[in-house]
C-alpha cells in the first residue's frame, strides 16, 4: 500500500505536477485500512442517523480520508495542533511550514 503525494515545485519547469509514491509500513497500512474499511462506513451510518437532513456530511465521510466532525481535516488543523504541542514541549510554536523547514535543515 502506498500514499501518492503531489509535488508542485517543479510544475512550471515540467509543465505538470510530479506524483511521488510513499510506501507505507505494515503498522500504517493497518491504520489506513481500519480507518477506510471500518471507521468510515460506521461514521457514514452514524451521520445519517444524527444528521438525517444533511446529506453533505455523509458524502464528506464517504469521500474524505480525514474528517473533523462536519468538515474536512485540513492543514491548518494539523498546524494548530503542532503549534500547541511544540509550544508545550519546546516553548516554541512550530507550524507545518516551520517544521518542514527545520526538518530539511537537520
C-alpha atoms as a PDB file:
ATOM      1  CA  UNK A   1       0.000   0.000   0.000  1.00  0.00           C
ATOM      2  CA  UNK A   2       1.266   3.473  -0.832  1.00  0.00           C
ATOM      3  CA  UNK A   3       0.142   7.065  -0.499  1.00  0.00           C
ATOM      4  CA  UNK A   4       0.747   9.255  -3.519  1.00  0.00           C
ATOM      5  CA  UNK A   5       1.624  12.887  -2.870  1.00  0.00           C
ATOM      6  CA  UNK A   6       1.732  15.710  -5.343  1.00  0.00           C
ATOM      7  CA  UNK A   7       4.961  17.708  -5.680  1.00  0.00           C
ATOM      8  CA  UNK A   8       4.242  21.051  -7.324  1.00  0.00           C
ATOM      9  CA  UNK A   9       7.534  22.973  -7.032  1.00  0.00           C
ATOM     10  CA  UNK A  10       8.730  21.726 -10.430  1.00  0.00           C
ATOM     11  CA  UNK A  11       5.404  22.146 -12.236  1.00  0.00           C
ATOM     12  CA  UNK A  12       6.489  25.325 -14.061  1.00  0.00           C
ATOM     13  CA  UNK A  13       9.621  23.601 -15.347  1.00  0.00           C
ATOM     14  CA  UNK A  14       7.956  20.288 -16.265  1.00  0.00           C
ATOM     15  CA  UNK A  15       4.532  21.625 -17.207  1.00  0.00           C
ATOM     16  CA  UNK A  16       2.824  19.301 -14.710  1.00  0.00           C
ATOM     17  CA  UNK A  17       2.980  18.301 -11.067  1.00  0.00           C
ATOM     18  CA  UNK A  18       5.058  15.278 -10.126  1.00  0.00           C
ATOM     19  CA  UNK A  19       3.404  12.393  -8.282  1.00  0.00           C
ATOM     20  CA  UNK A  20       5.579  10.709  -5.653  1.00  0.00           C
ATOM     21  CA  UNK A  21       4.513   7.380  -4.104  1.00  0.00           C
ATOM     22  CA  UNK A  22       5.342   6.734  -0.441  1.00  0.00           C
ATOM     23  CA  UNK A  23       5.193   3.078   0.559  1.00  0.00           C
ATOM     24  CA  UNK A  24       3.664   2.530   3.993  1.00  0.00           C
ATOM     25  CA  UNK A  25       4.983   0.058   6.529  1.00  0.00           C
ATOM     26  CA  UNK A  26       2.686  -2.621   7.986  1.00  0.00           C
ATOM     27  CA  UNK A  27       1.637  -0.527  11.001  1.00  0.00           C
ATOM     28  CA  UNK A  28       0.429   2.433   8.937  1.00  0.00           C
ATOM     29  CA  UNK A  29      -1.130   0.145   6.338  1.00  0.00           C
ATOM     30  CA  UNK A  30      -3.213  -1.390   9.100  1.00  0.00           C
ATOM     31  CA  UNK A  31      -4.295   2.029  10.394  1.00  0.00           C
ATOM     32  CA  UNK A  32      -5.310   3.255   6.928  1.00  0.00           C
ATOM     33  CA  UNK A  33      -7.207   0.027   6.221  1.00  0.00           C
ATOM     34  CA  UNK A  34      -9.037   0.231   9.548  1.00  0.00           C
ATOM     35  CA  UNK A  35      -9.980   3.859   9.004  1.00  0.00           C
ATOM     36  CA  UNK A  36     -11.045   3.268   5.402  1.00  0.00           C
ATOM     37  CA  UNK A  37     -12.915  -0.019   5.719  1.00  0.00           C
ATOM     38  CA  UNK A  38     -14.234   0.033   9.314  1.00  0.00           C
ATOM     39  CA  UNK A  39     -14.373   3.530  10.767  1.00  0.00           C
ATOM     40  CA  UNK A  40     -15.599   5.466   7.751  1.00  0.00           C
ATOM     41  CA  UNK A  41     -18.527   3.175   6.854  1.00  0.00           C
ATOM     42  CA  UNK A  42     -19.573   3.281  10.516  1.00  0.00           C
ATOM     43  CA  UNK A  43     -19.265   7.091  10.570  1.00  0.00           C
ATOM     44  CA  UNK A  44     -21.358   7.319   7.400  1.00  0.00           C
ATOM     45  CA  UNK A  45     -24.149   5.319   9.012  1.00  0.00           C
ATOM     46  CA  UNK A  46     -23.982   7.339  12.229  1.00  0.00           C
ATOM     47  CA  UNK A  47     -24.002  10.632  10.292  1.00  0.00           C
ATOM     48  CA  UNK A  48     -27.197   9.539   8.518  1.00  0.00           C
ATOM     49  CA  UNK A  49     -28.791   8.917  11.916  1.00  0.00           C
ATOM     50  CA  UNK A  50     -27.509  12.083  13.617  1.00  0.00           C
ATOM     51  CA  UNK A  51     -27.955  14.416  10.633  1.00  0.00           C
ATOM     52  CA  UNK A  52     -30.844  12.967   8.592  1.00  0.00           C
ATOM     53  CA  UNK A  53     -31.443  16.227   6.713  1.00  0.00           C
ATOM     54  CA  UNK A  54     -27.774  16.905   5.897  1.00  0.00           C
ATOM     55  CA  UNK A  55     -26.514  14.569   3.186  1.00  0.00           C
ATOM     56  CA  UNK A  56     -23.309  16.639   2.788  1.00  0.00           C
ATOM     57  CA  UNK A  57     -21.837  15.217   5.998  1.00  0.00           C
ATOM     58  CA  UNK A  58     -22.450  11.637   4.855  1.00  0.00           C
ATOM     59  CA  UNK A  59     -20.817  12.395   1.500  1.00  0.00           C
ATOM     60  CA  UNK A  60     -17.895  14.018   3.308  1.00  0.00           C
ATOM     61  CA  UNK A  61     -17.308  10.899   5.431  1.00  0.00           C
ATOM     62  CA  UNK A  62     -17.567   8.762   2.293  1.00  0.00           C
ATOM     63  CA  UNK A  63     -15.114  10.766   0.164  1.00  0.00           C
ATOM     64  CA  UNK A  64     -12.512  12.165   2.591  1.00  0.00           C
ATOM     65  CA  UNK A  65      -9.869  10.120   4.376  1.00  0.00           C
ATOM     66  CA  UNK A  66      -9.507  12.612   7.233  1.00  0.00           C
ATOM     67  CA  UNK A  67     -12.615  14.363   8.593  1.00  0.00           C
ATOM     68  CA  UNK A  68     -13.042  16.694  11.560  1.00  0.00           C
ATOM     69  CA  UNK A  69     -16.673  16.221  12.669  1.00  0.00           C
ATOM     70  CA  UNK A  70     -18.582  18.000   9.884  1.00  0.00           C
ATOM     71  CA  UNK A  71     -15.756  19.358   7.712  1.00  0.00           C
ATOM     72  CA  UNK A  72     -12.534  18.131   6.077  1.00  0.00           C
ATOM     73  CA  UNK A  73      -9.454  17.874   8.286  1.00  0.00           C
ATOM     74  CA  UNK A  74      -7.115  20.423   6.672  1.00  0.00           C
ATOM     75  CA  UNK A  75      -3.512  21.542   7.054  1.00  0.00           C
ATOM     76  CA  UNK A  76      -4.480  24.419   9.349  1.00  0.00           C
ATOM     77  CA  UNK A  77      -5.907  21.895  11.834  1.00  0.00           C
ATOM     78  CA  UNK A  78      -2.666  19.915  11.880  1.00  0.00           C
ATOM     79  CA  UNK A  79      -0.622  23.105  12.109  1.00  0.00           C
ATOM     80  CA  UNK A  80      -2.574  24.371  15.135  1.00  0.00           C
ATOM     81  CA  UNK A  81      -2.161  21.001  16.893  1.00  0.00           C
ATOM     82  CA  UNK A  82       1.560  21.023  16.110  1.00  0.00           C
ATOM     83  CA  UNK A  83       1.883  24.603  17.400  1.00  0.00           C
ATOM     84  CA  UNK A  84       0.246  23.719  20.725  1.00  0.00           C
ATOM     85  CA  UNK A  85       2.323  20.566  21.132  1.00  0.00           C
ATOM     86  CA  UNK A  86       5.617  22.187  20.196  1.00  0.00           C
ATOM     87  CA  UNK A  87       4.900  25.145  22.496  1.00  0.00           C
ATOM     88  CA  UNK A  88       4.437  22.769  25.438  1.00  0.00           C
ATOM     89  CA  UNK A  89       7.462  20.628  24.601  1.00  0.00           C
ATOM     90  CA  UNK A  90       9.973  23.202  23.321  1.00  0.00           C
ATOM     91  CA  UNK A  91       8.488  26.606  24.276  1.00  0.00           C
ATOM     92  CA  UNK A  92       8.412  27.481  20.549  1.00  0.00           C
ATOM     93  CA  UNK A  93       5.374  27.440  18.269  1.00  0.00           C
ATOM     94  CA  UNK A  94       6.202  25.420  15.167  1.00  0.00           C
ATOM     95  CA  UNK A  95       3.604  25.151  12.426  1.00  0.00           C
ATOM     96  CA  UNK A  96       3.722  22.815   9.439  1.00  0.00           C
ATOM     97  CA  UNK A  97       5.786  25.242   7.375  1.00  0.00           C
ATOM     98  CA  UNK A  98       8.277  25.800  10.213  1.00  0.00           C
ATOM     99  CA  UNK A  99       8.584  22.088  10.913  1.00  0.00           C
ATOM    100  CA  UNK A 100       9.169  21.370   7.222  1.00  0.00           C
ATOM    101  CA  UNK A 101      11.972  23.945   7.021  1.00  0.00           C
ATOM    102  CA  UNK A 102      13.518  22.644  10.241  1.00  0.00           C
ATOM    103  CA  UNK A 103      13.425  19.017   9.079  1.00  0.00           C
ATOM    104  CA  UNK A 104      15.209  19.971   5.843  1.00  0.00           C
ATOM    105  CA  UNK A 105      17.975  21.722   7.809  1.00  0.00           C
ATOM    106  CA  UNK A 106      18.546  18.817  10.170  1.00  0.00           C
END
